[in-house]
N, C-alpha and C. Protein backbone atom coordinates (compact mmCIF):
# COMPACT_ATOMS: atom_id res chain seq x y z
N UNK A 1 65.50 144.66 -18.40
CA UNK A 1 65.25 143.50 -18.48
C UNK A 1 66.18 142.77 -17.72
N UNK A 2 66.39 141.82 -16.53
CA UNK A 2 66.45 141.56 -15.49
C UNK A 2 66.91 139.73 -15.64
N UNK A 3 67.78 139.70 -16.42
CA UNK A 3 67.82 138.57 -17.41
C UNK A 3 68.00 136.85 -16.25
N UNK A 4 68.48 137.43 -15.11
CA UNK A 4 68.24 135.67 -14.58
C UNK A 4 66.83 135.02 -15.15
N UNK A 5 65.90 135.94 -15.02
CA UNK A 5 64.89 135.23 -14.84
C UNK A 5 63.49 135.59 -16.27
N UNK A 6 64.98 135.03 -17.22
CA UNK A 6 64.54 134.95 -18.54
C UNK A 6 64.21 133.80 -18.75
N UNK A 7 64.09 132.64 -17.91
CA UNK A 7 64.08 131.69 -18.47
C UNK A 7 62.06 130.91 -17.96
N UNK A 8 62.18 132.15 -16.97
CA UNK A 8 60.93 132.02 -16.24
C UNK A 8 59.50 132.47 -17.74
N UNK A 9 59.94 133.74 -18.04
CA UNK A 9 59.34 134.88 -18.77
C UNK A 9 59.37 133.28 -20.24
N UNK A 10 60.44 132.88 -20.28
CA UNK A 10 59.89 132.30 -21.89
C UNK A 10 58.86 130.77 -21.61
N UNK A 11 59.30 129.90 -20.28
CA UNK A 11 58.48 129.41 -19.62
C UNK A 11 56.91 129.82 -19.62
N UNK A 12 56.51 131.31 -19.19
CA UNK A 12 55.33 131.61 -18.80
C UNK A 12 55.38 132.14 -20.32
N UNK A 13 55.68 132.13 -21.54
CA UNK A 13 54.95 132.44 -22.59
C UNK A 13 54.42 131.45 -23.43
N UNK A 14 55.43 129.69 -23.10
CA UNK A 14 55.14 128.79 -23.54
C UNK A 14 53.75 128.34 -22.94
N UNK A 15 53.67 128.64 -21.22
CA UNK A 15 52.62 127.75 -21.41
C UNK A 15 50.92 128.68 -21.46
N UNK A 16 51.30 130.01 -21.26
CA UNK A 16 50.46 130.92 -22.19
C UNK A 16 49.95 129.91 -23.53
N UNK A 17 50.92 130.15 -24.31
CA UNK A 17 50.76 129.23 -25.87
C UNK A 17 49.92 128.21 -26.21
N UNK A 18 50.53 127.55 -25.00
CA UNK A 18 49.59 125.69 -24.56
C UNK A 18 47.54 125.80 -24.06
N UNK A 19 47.59 126.67 -23.26
CA UNK A 19 47.05 127.29 -22.91
C UNK A 19 45.67 127.69 -24.09
N UNK A 20 46.21 128.64 -24.81
CA UNK A 20 45.72 129.20 -26.16
C UNK A 20 45.21 127.71 -26.68
N UNK A 21 45.77 126.65 -26.69
CA UNK A 21 45.47 125.93 -28.43
C UNK A 21 45.42 125.43 -27.98
N UNK A 22 44.61 124.45 -25.84
CA UNK A 22 43.76 124.27 -25.78
C UNK A 22 42.39 124.19 -25.20
N UNK A 23 42.18 125.62 -24.51
CA UNK A 23 41.30 126.69 -24.01
C UNK A 23 40.76 128.20 -25.35
N UNK A 24 40.54 128.10 -26.48
CA UNK A 24 40.91 129.10 -27.47
C UNK A 24 40.94 130.15 -26.81
N UNK A 25 38.90 130.83 -26.14
CA UNK A 25 38.38 131.16 -25.72
C UNK A 25 39.07 132.13 -24.09
N UNK A 26 39.67 131.49 -23.79
CA UNK A 26 40.47 131.80 -21.98
C UNK A 26 42.03 132.32 -23.00
N UNK A 27 42.61 130.88 -23.20
CA UNK A 27 43.84 131.17 -23.89
C UNK A 27 44.72 132.64 -24.64
N UNK A 28 43.34 132.85 -25.47
CA UNK A 28 43.34 134.24 -26.28
C UNK A 28 43.41 135.29 -24.67
N UNK A 29 42.67 135.70 -24.04
CA UNK A 29 42.57 136.13 -22.78
C UNK A 29 43.64 136.27 -22.00
N UNK A 30 44.05 135.50 -22.54
CA UNK A 30 45.56 135.33 -21.38
C UNK A 30 47.14 135.24 -22.36
N UNK A 31 47.02 135.02 -23.14
CA UNK A 31 47.99 135.14 -24.64
C UNK A 31 47.78 137.04 -23.60
N UNK A 32 46.66 137.66 -24.69
CA UNK A 32 46.33 139.31 -24.86
C UNK A 32 47.86 139.88 -23.87
N UNK A 33 46.98 139.59 -22.87
CA UNK A 33 47.62 140.74 -21.21
C UNK A 33 48.89 139.57 -20.69
N UNK A 34 49.24 138.29 -21.43
CA UNK A 34 51.08 138.57 -21.18
C UNK A 34 51.81 138.69 -21.91
N UNK A 35 51.42 139.74 -23.64
CA UNK A 35 51.86 140.25 -24.47
C UNK A 35 52.55 141.41 -24.49
N UNK A 36 53.98 142.09 -23.92
CA UNK A 36 54.67 142.87 -23.56
C UNK A 36 55.36 143.34 -23.79
N UNK A 37 55.84 144.57 -23.30
CA UNK A 37 56.86 145.00 -24.37
C UNK A 37 58.32 143.78 -23.73
N UNK A 38 58.88 143.44 -23.18
CA UNK A 38 59.43 142.66 -22.71
C UNK A 38 59.71 141.63 -23.49
N UNK A 39 58.51 141.13 -23.18
CA UNK A 39 58.42 139.94 -24.77
C UNK A 39 58.47 139.82 -26.22
N UNK A 40 57.80 141.42 -26.81
CA UNK A 40 57.82 141.48 -27.73
C UNK A 40 59.62 141.45 -28.00
N UNK A 41 60.35 142.01 -27.24
CA UNK A 41 61.95 142.65 -27.14
C UNK A 41 62.48 140.44 -27.65
N UNK A 42 61.94 140.24 -26.00
CA UNK A 42 62.63 138.72 -26.24
C UNK A 42 62.09 137.53 -27.94
N UNK A 43 61.21 138.14 -28.01
CA UNK A 43 61.07 137.34 -29.26
C UNK A 43 61.37 137.63 -30.74
N UNK A 44 61.48 138.60 -30.88
CA UNK A 44 61.41 139.53 -31.49
C UNK A 44 63.52 139.18 -31.78
N UNK A 45 64.72 139.26 -30.58
CA UNK A 45 66.11 138.62 -30.55
C UNK A 45 65.89 137.19 -30.53
N UNK A 46 64.65 136.24 -30.18
CA UNK A 46 65.20 134.77 -30.72
C UNK A 46 65.06 135.24 -32.15
N UNK A 47 63.91 135.02 -32.97
CA UNK A 47 63.59 135.74 -33.85
C UNK A 47 65.00 135.20 -34.73
N UNK A 48 65.62 136.92 -34.69
CA UNK A 48 67.04 137.21 -35.12
C UNK A 48 68.14 136.43 -34.61
N UNK A 49 67.76 135.79 -33.37
CA UNK A 49 69.39 134.58 -33.38
C UNK A 49 69.34 133.66 -33.88
N UNK A 50 67.56 133.22 -34.47
CA UNK A 50 67.42 131.86 -35.46
C UNK A 50 68.20 131.65 -36.86
N UNK A 51 67.40 133.06 -36.77
CA UNK A 51 67.72 133.08 -38.41
C UNK A 51 69.32 133.74 -38.56
N UNK A 52 69.97 134.54 -37.86
CA UNK A 52 71.18 134.79 -37.88
C UNK A 52 72.73 133.15 -37.36
N UNK A 53 71.79 132.39 -36.75
CA UNK A 53 73.07 131.15 -36.84
C UNK A 53 72.33 130.31 -38.44
N UNK A 54 71.25 130.02 -38.12
CA UNK A 54 70.41 129.52 -39.92
C UNK A 54 70.87 130.30 -41.52
N UNK A 55 71.95 131.27 -41.14
CA UNK A 55 72.79 131.51 -41.87
C UNK A 55 73.97 130.80 -41.94
N UNK A 56 74.02 130.74 -40.83
CA UNK A 56 75.84 130.82 -40.39
C UNK A 56 75.82 129.39 -41.61
N UNK A 57 75.37 128.29 -40.40
CA UNK A 57 75.57 127.11 -41.05
C UNK A 57 75.64 126.79 -43.19
N UNK A 58 74.62 127.67 -43.43
CA UNK A 58 74.63 127.14 -45.08
C UNK A 58 76.08 127.53 -45.60
């Protein structure tokens, strides 16, 4: 995984989610094609990092 393109992947995923909200039928098709192992790893890593940071602040 190329860490230099992390921002591009995040922006692309946010755009796909926004498209799914505006036009659900076409957006869901784009969202299905955007779900790749890389995006799942990034999502899981982000959720884990957010969880750990929130636990640390308590």
